[in-house]
Amino acid sequence: MNRKVTFVFINICVVLVLIGLIVMQPASAAAVSHEGTATVKGIDLDKGIVKLSHGPITSLKWPAMTMDFKFKDSALMQGIMVGDAVTFTFIESNGDYVITHIRPSK
């Protein structure tokens, strides 16, 4: 009987450790950020979208292209106008590309 209790206890501990590792995985996985330079082609503050014509993004092996990026805080776009040359940083979040930092290029 004592062996059975020990066996069950060990198996329960292993399962709890595995569950803990699975639950902690998303929290420990940091979002990878990417940087680029672009020209602003459009800004939609209501939808939280900026259209950028960007150069190659080497960290993603992207060629130059024009595409929409999301931004969560409209304060990021303060002082940014259509036609501006900008430097920006973004992450991938839930299948969207989200700008975390943007500033006019000098």
PDB file of N, CA and C in Angstrom:
ATOM      1  N   MET A   1       0.821  -1.202   0.000  1.00  0.00           N
ATOM      2  CA  MET A   1       0.000   0.000   0.000  1.00  0.00           C
ATOM      3  C   MET A   1       0.858   1.255   0.000  1.00  0.00           C
ATOM      4  N   ASN A   2       1.932   1.273   0.757  1.00  0.00           N
ATOM      5  CA  ASN A   2       2.802   2.439   0.854  1.00  0.00           C
ATOM      6  C   ASN A   2       3.427   2.765  -0.498  1.00  0.00           C
ATOM      7  N   ARG A   3       3.799   1.775  -1.267  1.00  0.00           N
ATOM      8  CA  ARG A   3       4.380   2.007  -2.603  1.00  0.00           C
ATOM      9  C   ARG A   3       3.372   2.661  -3.539  1.00  0.00           C
ATOM     10  N   LYS A   4       2.118   2.239  -3.451  1.00  0.00           N
ATOM     11  CA  LYS A   4       1.082   2.806  -4.312  1.00  0.00           C
ATOM     12  C   LYS A   4       0.864   4.290  -3.997  1.00  0.00           C
ATOM     13  N   VAL A   5       0.867   4.636  -2.740  1.00  0.00           N
ATOM     14  CA  VAL A   5       0.695   6.033  -2.340  1.00  0.00           C
ATOM     15  C   VAL A   5       1.868   6.867  -2.841  1.00  0.00           C
ATOM     16  N   THR A   6       3.066   6.359  -2.689  1.00  0.00           N
ATOM     17  CA  THR A   6       4.253   7.061  -3.167  1.00  0.00           C
ATOM     18  C   THR A   6       4.198   7.231  -4.685  1.00  0.00           C
ATOM     19  N   PHE A   7       3.817   6.193  -5.411  1.00  0.00           N
ATOM     20  CA  PHE A   7       3.718   6.241  -6.863  1.00  0.00           C
ATOM     21  C   PHE A   7       2.704   7.303  -7.297  1.00  0.00           C
ATOM     22  N   VAL A   8       1.534   7.309  -6.658  1.00  0.00           N
ATOM     23  CA  VAL A   8       0.497   8.294  -6.992  1.00  0.00           C
ATOM     24  C   VAL A   8       0.985   9.702  -6.672  1.00  0.00           C
ATOM     25  N   PHE A   9       1.616   9.896  -5.537  1.00  0.00           N
ATOM     26  CA  PHE A   9       2.128  11.204  -5.138  1.00  0.00           C
ATOM     27  C   PHE A   9       3.147  11.726  -6.154  1.00  0.00           C
ATOM     28  N   ILE A  10       4.066  10.879  -6.570  1.00  0.00           N
ATOM     29  CA  ILE A  10       5.090  11.287  -7.538  1.00  0.00           C
ATOM     30  C   ILE A  10       4.440  11.657  -8.867  1.00  0.00           C
ATOM     31  N   ASN A  11       3.479  10.878  -9.320  1.00  0.00           N
ATOM     32  CA  ASN A  11       2.806  11.182 -10.586  1.00  0.00           C
ATOM     33  C   ASN A  11       2.029  12.492 -10.513  1.00  0.00           C
ATOM     34  N   ILE A  12       1.386  12.741  -9.380  1.00  0.00           N
ATOM     35  CA  ILE A  12       0.667  14.013  -9.216  1.00  0.00           C
ATOM     36  C   ILE A  12       1.646  15.181  -9.255  1.00  0.00           C
ATOM     37  N   CYS A  13       2.791  15.032  -8.595  1.00  0.00           N
ATOM     38  CA  CYS A  13       3.804  16.101  -8.604  1.00  0.00           C
ATOM     39  C   CYS A  13       4.314  16.371 -10.015  1.00  0.00           C
ATOM     40  N   VAL A  14       4.577  15.325 -10.774  1.00  0.00           N
ATOM     41  CA  VAL A  14       5.062  15.488 -12.155  1.00  0.00           C
ATOM     42  C   VAL A  14       4.017  16.224 -12.993  1.00  0.00           C
ATOM     43  N   VAL A  15       2.766  15.838 -12.863  1.00  0.00           N
ATOM     44  CA  VAL A  15       1.704  16.492 -13.624  1.00  0.00           C
ATOM     45  C   VAL A  15       1.605  17.970 -13.243  1.00  0.00           C
ATOM     46  N   LEU A  16       1.678  18.280 -11.962  1.00  0.00           N
ATOM     47  CA  LEU A  16       1.603  19.683 -11.527  1.00  0.00           C
ATOM     48  C   LEU A  16       2.780  20.505 -12.054  1.00  0.00           C
ATOM     49  N   VAL A  17       3.965  19.936 -12.060  1.00  0.00           N
ATOM     50  CA  VAL A  17       5.139  20.639 -12.602  1.00  0.00           C
ATOM     51  C   VAL A  17       4.955  20.888 -14.090  1.00  0.00           C
ATOM     52  N   LEU A  18       4.483  19.891 -14.828  1.00  0.00           N
ATOM     53  CA  LEU A  18       4.268  20.068 -16.268  1.00  0.00           C
ATOM     54  C   LEU A  18       3.204  21.126 -16.540  1.00  0.00           C
ATOM     55  N   ILE A  19       2.138  21.124 -15.776  1.00  0.00           N
ATOM     56  CA  ILE A  19       1.103  22.153 -15.940  1.00  0.00           C
ATOM     57  C   ILE A  19       1.687  23.538 -15.664  1.00  0.00           C
ATOM     58  N   GLY A  20       2.493  23.641 -14.621  1.00  0.00           N
ATOM     59  CA  GLY A  20       3.134  24.915 -14.303  1.00  0.00           C
ATOM     60  C   GLY A  20       4.026  25.405 -15.425  1.00  0.00           C
ATOM     61  N   LEU A  21       4.779  24.508 -16.044  1.00  0.00           N
ATOM     62  CA  LEU A  21       5.649  24.892 -17.152  1.00  0.00           C
ATOM     63  C   LEU A  21       4.840  25.354 -18.361  1.00  0.00           C
ATOM     64  N   ILE A  22       3.739  24.682 -18.622  1.00  0.00           N
ATOM     65  CA  ILE A  22       2.894  25.064 -19.751  1.00  0.00           C
ATOM     66  C   ILE A  22       2.258  26.430 -19.503  1.00  0.00           C
ATOM     67  N   VAL A  23       1.767  26.664 -18.304  1.00  0.00           N
ATOM     68  CA  VAL A  23       1.124  27.935 -17.978  1.00  0.00           C
ATOM     69  C   VAL A  23       2.118  29.079 -18.011  1.00  0.00           C
ATOM     70  N   MET A  24       3.337  28.849 -17.571  1.00  0.00           N
ATOM     71  CA  MET A  24       4.348  29.912 -17.514  1.00  0.00           C
ATOM     72  C   MET A  24       4.951  30.221 -18.872  1.00  0.00           C
ATOM     73  N   GLN A  25       4.848  29.346 -19.827  1.00  0.00           N
ATOM     74  CA  GLN A  25       5.510  29.540 -21.115  1.00  0.00           C
ATOM     75  C   GLN A  25       5.135  30.846 -21.807  1.00  0.00           C
ATOM     76  N   PRO A  26       3.855  31.188 -21.993  1.00  0.00           N
ATOM     77  CA  PRO A  26       3.560  32.453 -22.667  1.00  0.00           C
ATOM     78  C   PRO A  26       4.084  33.672 -21.918  1.00  0.00           C
ATOM     79  N   ALA A  27       4.082  33.632 -20.613  1.00  0.00           N
ATOM     80  CA  ALA A  27       4.562  34.781 -19.839  1.00  0.00           C
ATOM     81  C   ALA A  27       6.054  34.976 -20.008  1.00  0.00           C
ATOM     82  N   SER A  28       6.798  33.896 -20.183  1.00  0.00           N
ATOM     83  CA  SER A  28       8.242  34.024 -20.299  1.00  0.00           C
ATOM     84  C   SER A  28       8.693  34.286 -21.732  1.00  0.00           C
ATOM     85  N   ALA A  29       7.813  34.067 -22.694  1.00  0.00           N
ATOM     86  CA  ALA A  29       8.175  34.291 -24.090  1.00  0.00           C
ATOM     87  C   ALA A  29       8.043  35.781 -24.398  1.00  0.00           C
ATOM     88  N   ALA A  30       9.160  36.448 -24.565  1.00  0.00           N
ATOM     89  CA  ALA A  30       9.146  37.885 -24.839  1.00  0.00           C
ATOM     90  C   ALA A  30       8.855  38.126 -26.320  1.00  0.00           C
ATOM     91  N   ALA A  31       8.108  39.176 -26.590  1.00  0.00           N
ATOM     92  CA  ALA A  31       7.818  39.545 -27.969  1.00  0.00           C
ATOM     93  C   ALA A  31       9.093  40.077 -28.616  1.00  0.00           C
ATOM     94  N   VAL A  32       9.358  39.620 -29.810  1.00  0.00           N
ATOM     95  CA  VAL A  32      10.531  40.067 -30.544  1.00  0.00           C
ATOM     96  C   VAL A  32      10.166  41.342 -31.292  1.00  0.00           C
ATOM     97  N   SER A  33      10.985  42.361 -31.138  1.00  0.00           N
ATOM     98  CA  SER A  33      10.701  43.613 -31.837  1.00  0.00           C
ATOM     99  C   SER A  33      11.556  43.721 -33.092  1.00  0.00           C
ATOM    100  N   HIS A  34      11.022  44.459 -34.050  1.00  0.00           N
ATOM    101  CA  HIS A  34      11.675  44.669 -35.340  1.00  0.00           C
ATOM    102  C   HIS A  34      11.697  46.168 -35.611  1.00  0.00           C
ATOM    103  N   GLU A  35      12.684  46.608 -36.375  1.00  0.00           N
ATOM    104  CA  GLU A  35      12.826  48.031 -36.668  1.00  0.00           C
ATOM    105  C   GLU A  35      12.853  48.272 -38.168  1.00  0.00           C
ATOM    106  N   GLY A  36      12.418  49.471 -38.527  1.00  0.00           N
ATOM    107  CA  GLY A  36      12.455  49.830 -39.932  1.00  0.00           C
ATOM    108  C   GLY A  36      12.364  51.328 -40.122  1.00  0.00           C
ATOM    109  N   THR A  37      12.532  51.731 -41.378  1.00  0.00           N
ATOM    110  CA  THR A  37      12.335  53.124 -41.775  1.00  0.00           C
ATOM    111  C   THR A  37      11.240  53.130 -42.832  1.00  0.00           C
ATOM    112  N   ALA A  38      10.481  54.213 -42.861  1.00  0.00           N
ATOM    113  CA  ALA A  38       9.329  54.245 -43.763  1.00  0.00           C
ATOM    114  C   ALA A  38       8.901  55.667 -44.060  1.00  0.00           C
ATOM    115  N   THR A  39       7.975  55.767 -44.999  1.00  0.00           N
ATOM    116  CA  THR A  39       7.254  57.007 -45.275  1.00  0.00           C
ATOM    117  C   THR A  39       5.801  56.757 -44.919  1.00  0.00           C
ATOM    118  N   VAL A  40       5.209  57.675 -44.170  1.00  0.00           N
ATOM    119  CA  VAL A  40       3.815  57.537 -43.752  1.00  0.00           C
ATOM    120  C   VAL A  40       2.911  57.844 -44.946  1.00  0.00           C
ATOM    121  N   LYS A  41       2.049  56.889 -45.275  1.00  0.00           N
ATOM    122  CA  LYS A  41       1.128  57.048 -46.398  1.00  0.00           C
ATOM    123  C   LYS A  41      -0.297  57.357 -45.949  1.00  0.00           C
ATOM    124  N   GLY A  42      -0.628  57.026 -44.706  1.00  0.00           N
ATOM    125  CA  GLY A  42      -1.964  57.307 -44.195  1.00  0.00           C
ATOM    126  C   GLY A  42      -2.045  57.008 -42.710  1.00  0.00           C
ATOM    127  N   ILE A  43      -2.927  57.719 -42.022  1.00  0.00           N
ATOM    128  CA  ILE A  43      -3.136  57.518 -40.592  1.00  0.00           C
ATOM    129  C   ILE A  43      -4.637  57.506 -40.331  1.00  0.00           C
ATOM    130  N   ASP A  44      -5.127  56.458 -39.657  1.00  0.00           N
ATOM    131  CA  ASP A  44      -6.525  56.387 -39.246  1.00  0.00           C
ATOM    132  C   ASP A  44      -6.546  56.242 -37.726  1.00  0.00           C
ATOM    133  N   LEU A  45      -6.685  57.387 -37.044  1.00  0.00           N
ATOM    134  CA  LEU A  45      -6.660  57.379 -35.578  1.00  0.00           C
ATOM    135  C   LEU A  45      -7.831  56.599 -34.994  1.00  0.00           C
ATOM    136  N   ASP A  46      -8.997  56.646 -35.642  1.00  0.00           N
ATOM    137  CA  ASP A  46     -10.170  55.941 -35.127  1.00  0.00           C
ATOM    138  C   ASP A  46      -9.973  54.424 -35.134  1.00  0.00           C
ATOM    139  N   LYS A  47      -9.331  53.921 -36.168  1.00  0.00           N
ATOM    140  CA  LYS A  47      -9.105  52.468 -36.279  1.00  0.00           C
ATOM    141  C   LYS A  47      -7.779  52.042 -35.676  1.00  0.00           C
ATOM    142  N   GLY A  48      -6.912  53.011 -35.348  1.00  0.00           N
ATOM    143  CA  GLY A  48      -5.607  52.669 -34.788  1.00  0.00           C
ATOM    144  C   GLY A  48      -4.683  52.030 -35.804  1.00  0.00           C
ATOM    145  N   ILE A  49      -4.712  52.571 -37.034  1.00  0.00           N
ATOM    146  CA  ILE A  49      -3.922  52.001 -38.125  1.00  0.00           C
ATOM    147  C   ILE A  49      -3.124  53.100 -38.812  1.00  0.00           C
ATOM    148  N   VAL A  50      -1.871  52.776 -39.130  1.00  0.00           N
ATOM    149  CA  VAL A  50      -1.039  53.666 -39.923  1.00  0.00           C
ATOM    150  C   VAL A  50      -0.520  52.866 -41.118  1.00  0.00           C
ATOM    151  N   LYS A  51      -0.617  53.454 -42.308  1.00  0.00           N
ATOM    152  CA  LYS A  51      -0.107  52.820 -43.528  1.00  0.00           C
ATOM    153  C   LYS A  51       1.300  53.338 -43.766  1.00  0.00           C
ATOM    154  N   LEU A  52       2.251  52.405 -43.821  1.00  0.00           N
ATOM    155  CA  LEU A  52       3.652  52.766 -44.017  1.00  0.00           C
ATOM    156  C   LEU A  52       4.208  52.123 -45.279  1.00  0.00           C
ATOM    157  N   SER A  53       4.976  52.896 -46.017  1.00  0.00           N
ATOM    158  CA  SER A  53       5.763  52.376 -47.135  1.00  0.00           C
ATOM    159  C   SER A  53       7.175  52.223 -46.591  1.00  0.00           C
ATOM    160  N   HIS A  54       7.506  50.994 -46.175  1.00  0.00           N
ATOM    161  CA  HIS A  54       8.770  50.779 -45.464  1.00  0.00           C
ATOM    162  C   HIS A  54       9.828  50.124 -46.344  1.00  0.00           C
ATOM    163  N   GLY A  55      11.063  50.334 -45.938  1.00  0.00           N
ATOM    164  CA  GLY A  55      12.185  49.660 -46.581  1.00  0.00           C
ATOM    165  C   GLY A  55      12.238  48.213 -46.112  1.00  0.00           C
ATOM    166  N   PRO A  56      13.243  47.467 -46.544  1.00  0.00           N
ATOM    167  CA  PRO A  56      13.365  46.075 -46.123  1.00  0.00           C
ATOM    168  C   PRO A  56      13.472  45.953 -44.596  1.00  0.00           C
ATOM    169  N   ILE A  57      12.826  44.930 -44.058  1.00  0.00           N
ATOM    170  CA  ILE A  57      12.916  44.608 -42.626  1.00  0.00           C
ATOM    171  C   ILE A  57      13.763  43.335 -42.561  1.00  0.00           C
ATOM    172  N   THR A  58      15.040  43.505 -42.301  1.00  0.00           N
ATOM    173  CA  THR A  58      15.968  42.372 -42.396  1.00  0.00           C
ATOM    174  C   THR A  58      15.697  41.292 -41.356  1.00  0.00           C
ATOM    175  N   SER A  59      15.223  41.671 -40.164  1.00  0.00           N
ATOM    176  CA  SER A  59      14.986  40.665 -39.121  1.00  0.00           C
ATOM    177  C   SER A  59      13.866  39.693 -39.501  1.00  0.00           C
ATOM    178  N   LEU A  60      12.982  40.100 -40.407  1.00  0.00           N
ATOM    179  CA  LEU A  60      11.902  39.235 -40.881  1.00  0.00           C
ATOM    180  C   LEU A  60      12.110  38.774 -42.320  1.00  0.00           C
ATOM    181  N   LYS A  61      13.201  39.245 -42.926  1.00  0.00           N
ATOM    182  CA  LYS A  61      13.499  38.945 -44.333  1.00  0.00           C
ATOM    183  C   LYS A  61      12.384  39.436 -45.257  1.00  0.00           C
ATOM    184  N   TRP A  62      11.824  40.621 -44.913  1.00  0.00           N
ATOM    185  CA  TRP A  62      10.795  41.244 -45.738  1.00  0.00           C
ATOM    186  C   TRP A  62      11.443  42.175 -46.740  1.00  0.00           C
ATOM    187  N   PRO A  63      10.930  42.215 -47.956  1.00  0.00           N
ATOM    188  CA  PRO A  63      11.372  43.247 -48.895  1.00  0.00           C
ATOM    189  C   PRO A  63      10.651  44.558 -48.566  1.00  0.00           C
ATOM    190  N   ALA A  64      11.040  45.609 -49.238  1.00  0.00           N
ATOM    191  CA  ALA A  64      10.330  46.883 -49.096  1.00  0.00           C
ATOM    192  C   ALA A  64       8.899  46.699 -49.581  1.00  0.00           C
ATOM    193  N   MET A  65       7.946  47.302 -48.871  1.00  0.00           N
ATOM    194  CA  MET A  65       6.538  47.212 -49.269  1.00  0.00           C
ATOM    195  C   MET A  65       5.729  48.266 -48.525  1.00  0.00           C
ATOM    196  N   THR A  66       4.477  48.398 -48.924  1.00  0.00           N
ATOM    197  CA  THR A  66       3.546  49.291 -48.243  1.00  0.00           C
ATOM    198  C   THR A  66       2.505  48.430 -47.550  1.00  0.00           C
ATOM    199  N   MET A  67       2.297  48.688 -46.257  1.00  0.00           N
ATOM    200  CA  MET A  67       1.348  47.880 -45.496  1.00  0.00           C
ATOM    201  C   MET A  67       0.825  48.652 -44.300  1.00  0.00           C
ATOM    202  N   ASP A  68      -0.252  48.125 -43.720  1.00  0.00           N
ATOM    203  CA  ASP A  68      -0.851  48.727 -42.537  1.00  0.00           C
ATOM    204  C   ASP A  68      -0.245  48.126 -41.278  1.00  0.00           C
ATOM    205  N   PHE A  69      -0.026  48.961 -40.298  1.00  0.00           N
ATOM    206  CA  PHE A  69       0.414  48.549 -38.969  1.00  0.00           C
ATOM    207  C   PHE A  69      -0.604  49.093 -37.975  1.00  0.00           C
ATOM    208  N   LYS A  70      -0.825  48.360 -36.904  1.00  0.00           N
ATOM    209  CA  LYS A  70      -1.699  48.840 -35.843  1.00  0.00           C
ATOM    210  C   LYS A  70      -0.870  49.579 -34.802  1.00  0.00           C
ATOM    211  N   PHE A  71      -1.540  50.441 -34.057  1.00  0.00           N
ATOM    212  CA  PHE A  71      -0.922  51.058 -32.880  1.00  0.00           C
ATOM    213  C   PHE A  71      -1.999  51.104 -31.805  1.00  0.00           C
ATOM    214  N   LYS A  72      -1.602  50.835 -30.564  1.00  0.00           N
ATOM    215  CA  LYS A  72      -2.573  50.758 -29.481  1.00  0.00           C
ATOM    216  C   LYS A  72      -2.860  52.110 -28.852  1.00  0.00           C
ATOM    217  N   ASP A  73      -1.887  52.988 -28.905  1.00  0.00           N
ATOM    218  CA  ASP A  73      -2.028  54.284 -28.242  1.00  0.00           C
ATOM    219  C   ASP A  73      -1.879  55.392 -29.281  1.00  0.00           C
ATOM    220  N   SER A  74      -2.925  56.175 -29.452  1.00  0.00           N
ATOM    221  CA  SER A  74      -2.864  57.246 -30.459  1.00  0.00           C
ATOM    222  C   SER A  74      -1.814  58.296 -30.116  1.00  0.00           C
ATOM    223  N   ALA A  75      -1.361  58.345 -28.861  1.00  0.00           N
ATOM    224  CA  ALA A  75      -0.303  59.293 -28.484  1.00  0.00           C
ATOM    225  C   ALA A  75       0.990  58.999 -29.244  1.00  0.00           C
ATOM    226  N   LEU A  76       1.173  57.738 -29.665  1.00  0.00           N
ATOM    227  CA  LEU A  76       2.363  57.401 -30.463  1.00  0.00           C
ATOM    228  C   LEU A  76       2.419  58.210 -31.755  1.00  0.00           C
ATOM    229  N   MET A  77       1.254  58.539 -32.284  1.00  0.00           N
ATOM    230  CA  MET A  77       1.192  59.213 -33.582  1.00  0.00           C
ATOM    231  C   MET A  77       1.229  60.728 -33.464  1.00  0.00           C
ATOM    232  N   GLN A  78       1.340  61.226 -32.248  1.00  0.00           N
ATOM    233  CA  GLN A  78       1.393  62.675 -32.041  1.00  0.00           C
ATOM    234  C   GLN A  78       2.611  63.252 -32.761  1.00  0.00           C
ATOM    235  N   GLY A  79       2.386  64.220 -33.590  1.00  0.00           N
ATOM    236  CA  GLY A  79       3.461  64.874 -34.335  1.00  0.00           C
ATOM    237  C   GLY A  79       3.849  64.154 -35.618  1.00  0.00           C
ATOM    238  N   ILE A  80       3.227  63.013 -35.904  1.00  0.00           N
ATOM    239  CA  ILE A  80       3.503  62.266 -37.139  1.00  0.00           C
ATOM    240  C   ILE A  80       2.447  62.655 -38.166  1.00  0.00           C
ATOM    241  N   MET A  81       2.899  62.992 -39.368  1.00  0.00           N
ATOM    242  CA  MET A  81       1.986  63.427 -40.422  1.00  0.00           C
ATOM    243  C   MET A  81       2.185  62.567 -41.663  1.00  0.00           C
ATOM    244  N   VAL A  82       1.146  62.510 -42.502  1.00  0.00           N
ATOM    245  CA  VAL A  82       1.260  61.815 -43.784  1.00  0.00           C
ATOM    246  C   VAL A  82       2.374  62.484 -44.586  1.00  0.00           C
ATOM    247  N   GLY A  83       3.232  61.682 -45.154  1.00  0.00           N
ATOM    248  CA  GLY A  83       4.375  62.182 -45.919  1.00  0.00           C
ATOM    249  C   GLY A  83       5.669  62.209 -45.129  1.00  0.00           C
ATOM    250  N   ASP A  84       5.587  62.087 -43.797  1.00  0.00           N
ATOM    251  CA  ASP A  84       6.791  62.089 -42.957  1.00  0.00           C
ATOM    252  C   ASP A  84       7.626  60.833 -43.181  1.00  0.00           C
ATOM    253  N   ALA A  85       8.931  61.006 -43.142  1.00  0.00           N
ATOM    254  CA  ALA A  85       9.858  59.870 -43.076  1.00  0.00           C
ATOM    255  C   ALA A  85       9.997  59.529 -41.597  1.00  0.00           C
ATOM    256  N   VAL A  86       9.851  58.243 -41.262  1.00  0.00           N
ATOM    257  CA  VAL A  86       9.870  57.833 -39.858  1.00  0.00           C
ATOM    258  C   VAL A  86      10.765  56.612 -39.659  1.00  0.00           C
ATOM    259  N   THR A  87      11.175  56.447 -38.427  1.00  0.00           N
ATOM    260  CA  THR A  87      11.826  55.232 -37.949  1.00  0.00           C
ATOM    261  C   THR A  87      10.841  54.619 -36.968  1.00  0.00           C
ATOM    262  N   PHE A  88      10.624  53.299 -37.056  1.00  0.00           N
ATOM    263  CA  PHE A  88       9.616  52.687 -36.204  1.00  0.00           C
ATOM    264  C   PHE A  88      10.067  51.318 -35.707  1.00  0.00           C
ATOM    265  N   THR A  89       9.470  50.923 -34.596  1.00  0.00           N
ATOM    266  CA  THR A  89       9.698  49.610 -33.997  1.00  0.00           C
ATOM    267  C   THR A  89       8.337  48.958 -33.846  1.00  0.00           C
ATOM    268  N   PHE A  90       8.277  47.639 -34.122  1.00  0.00           N
ATOM    269  CA  PHE A  90       6.998  46.944 -34.015  1.00  0.00           C
ATOM    270  C   PHE A  90       7.197  45.513 -33.552  1.00  0.00           C
ATOM    271  N   ILE A  91       6.098  44.927 -33.092  1.00  0.00           N
ATOM    272  CA  ILE A  91       6.084  43.526 -32.682  1.00  0.00           C
ATOM    273  C   ILE A  91       4.934  42.832 -33.398  1.00  0.00           C
ATOM    274  N   GLU A  92       4.966  41.515 -33.392  1.00  0.00           N
ATOM    275  CA  GLU A  92       3.819  40.748 -33.859  1.00  0.00           C
ATOM    276  C   GLU A  92       3.016  40.363 -32.626  1.00  0.00           C
ATOM    277  N   SER A  93       1.716  40.631 -32.677  1.00  0.00           N
ATOM    278  CA  SER A  93       0.845  40.337 -31.540  1.00  0.00           C
ATOM    279  C   SER A  93      -0.489  39.817 -32.063  1.00  0.00           C
ATOM    280  N   ASN A  94      -0.783  38.583 -31.773  1.00  0.00           N
ATOM    281  CA  ASN A  94      -2.040  37.955 -32.207  1.00  0.00           C
ATOM    282  C   ASN A  94      -2.263  38.076 -33.710  1.00  0.00           C
ATOM    283  N   GLY A  95      -1.211  37.895 -34.474  1.00  0.00           N
ATOM    284  CA  GLY A  95      -1.320  37.934 -35.925  1.00  0.00           C
ATOM    285  C   GLY A  95      -1.288  39.324 -36.528  1.00  0.00           C
ATOM    286  N   ASP A  96      -1.207  40.358 -35.700  1.00  0.00           N
ATOM    287  CA  ASP A  96      -1.120  41.727 -36.197  1.00  0.00           C
ATOM    288  C   ASP A  96       0.283  42.269 -35.957  1.00  0.00           C
ATOM    289  N   TYR A  97       0.670  43.232 -36.763  1.00  0.00           N
ATOM    290  CA  TYR A  97       1.942  43.924 -36.550  1.00  0.00           C
ATOM    291  C   TYR A  97       1.614  45.253 -35.877  1.00  0.00           C
ATOM    292  N   VAL A  98       2.135  45.422 -34.656  1.00  0.00           N
ATOM    293  CA  VAL A  98       1.754  46.543 -33.802  1.00  0.00           C
ATOM    294  C   VAL A  98       2.967  47.424 -33.531  1.00  0.00           C
ATOM    295  N   ILE A  99       2.837  48.693 -33.852  1.00  0.00           N
ATOM    296  CA  ILE A  99       3.916  49.654 -33.618  1.00  0.00           C
ATOM    297  C   ILE A  99       4.022  49.943 -32.127  1.00  0.00           C
ATOM    298  N   THR A 100       5.247  49.839 -31.622  1.00  0.00           N
ATOM    299  CA  THR A 100       5.497  50.145 -30.213  1.00  0.00           C
ATOM    300  C   THR A 100       6.222  51.477 -30.056  1.00  0.00           C
ATOM    301  N   HIS A 101       6.863  51.947 -31.134  1.00  0.00           N
ATOM    302  CA  HIS A 101       7.574  53.213 -31.088  1.00  0.00           C
ATOM    303  C   HIS A 101       7.687  53.730 -32.526  1.00  0.00           C
ATOM    304  N   ILE A 102       7.470  55.030 -32.679  1.00  0.00           N
ATOM    305  CA  ILE A 102       7.610  55.659 -33.998  1.00  0.00           C
ATOM    306  C   ILE A 102       8.046  57.105 -33.790  1.00  0.00           C
ATOM    307  N   ARG A 103       8.977  57.542 -34.629  1.00  0.00           N
ATOM    308  CA  ARG A 103       9.445  58.928 -34.520  1.00  0.00           C
ATOM    309  C   ARG A 103       9.885  59.418 -35.913  1.00  0.00           C
ATOM    310  N   PRO A 104       9.805  60.720 -36.133  1.00  0.00           N
ATOM    311  CA  PRO A 104      10.278  61.253 -37.417  1.00  0.00           C
ATOM    312  C   PRO A 104      11.782  60.995 -37.578  1.00  0.00           C
ATOM    313  N   SER A 105      12.175  60.655 -38.788  1.00  0.00           N
ATOM    314  CA  SER A 105      13.605  60.466 -39.084  1.00  0.00           C
ATOM    315  C   SER A 105      14.249  61.834 -39.196  1.00  0.00           C
ATOM    316  N   LYS A 106      15.529  61.874 -38.878  1.00  0.00           N
ATOM    317  CA  LYS A 106      16.256  63.153 -38.930  1.00  0.00           C
ATOM    318  C   LYS A 106      17.085  63.249 -40.159  1.00  0.00           C
TER     319      LYS A 106
END
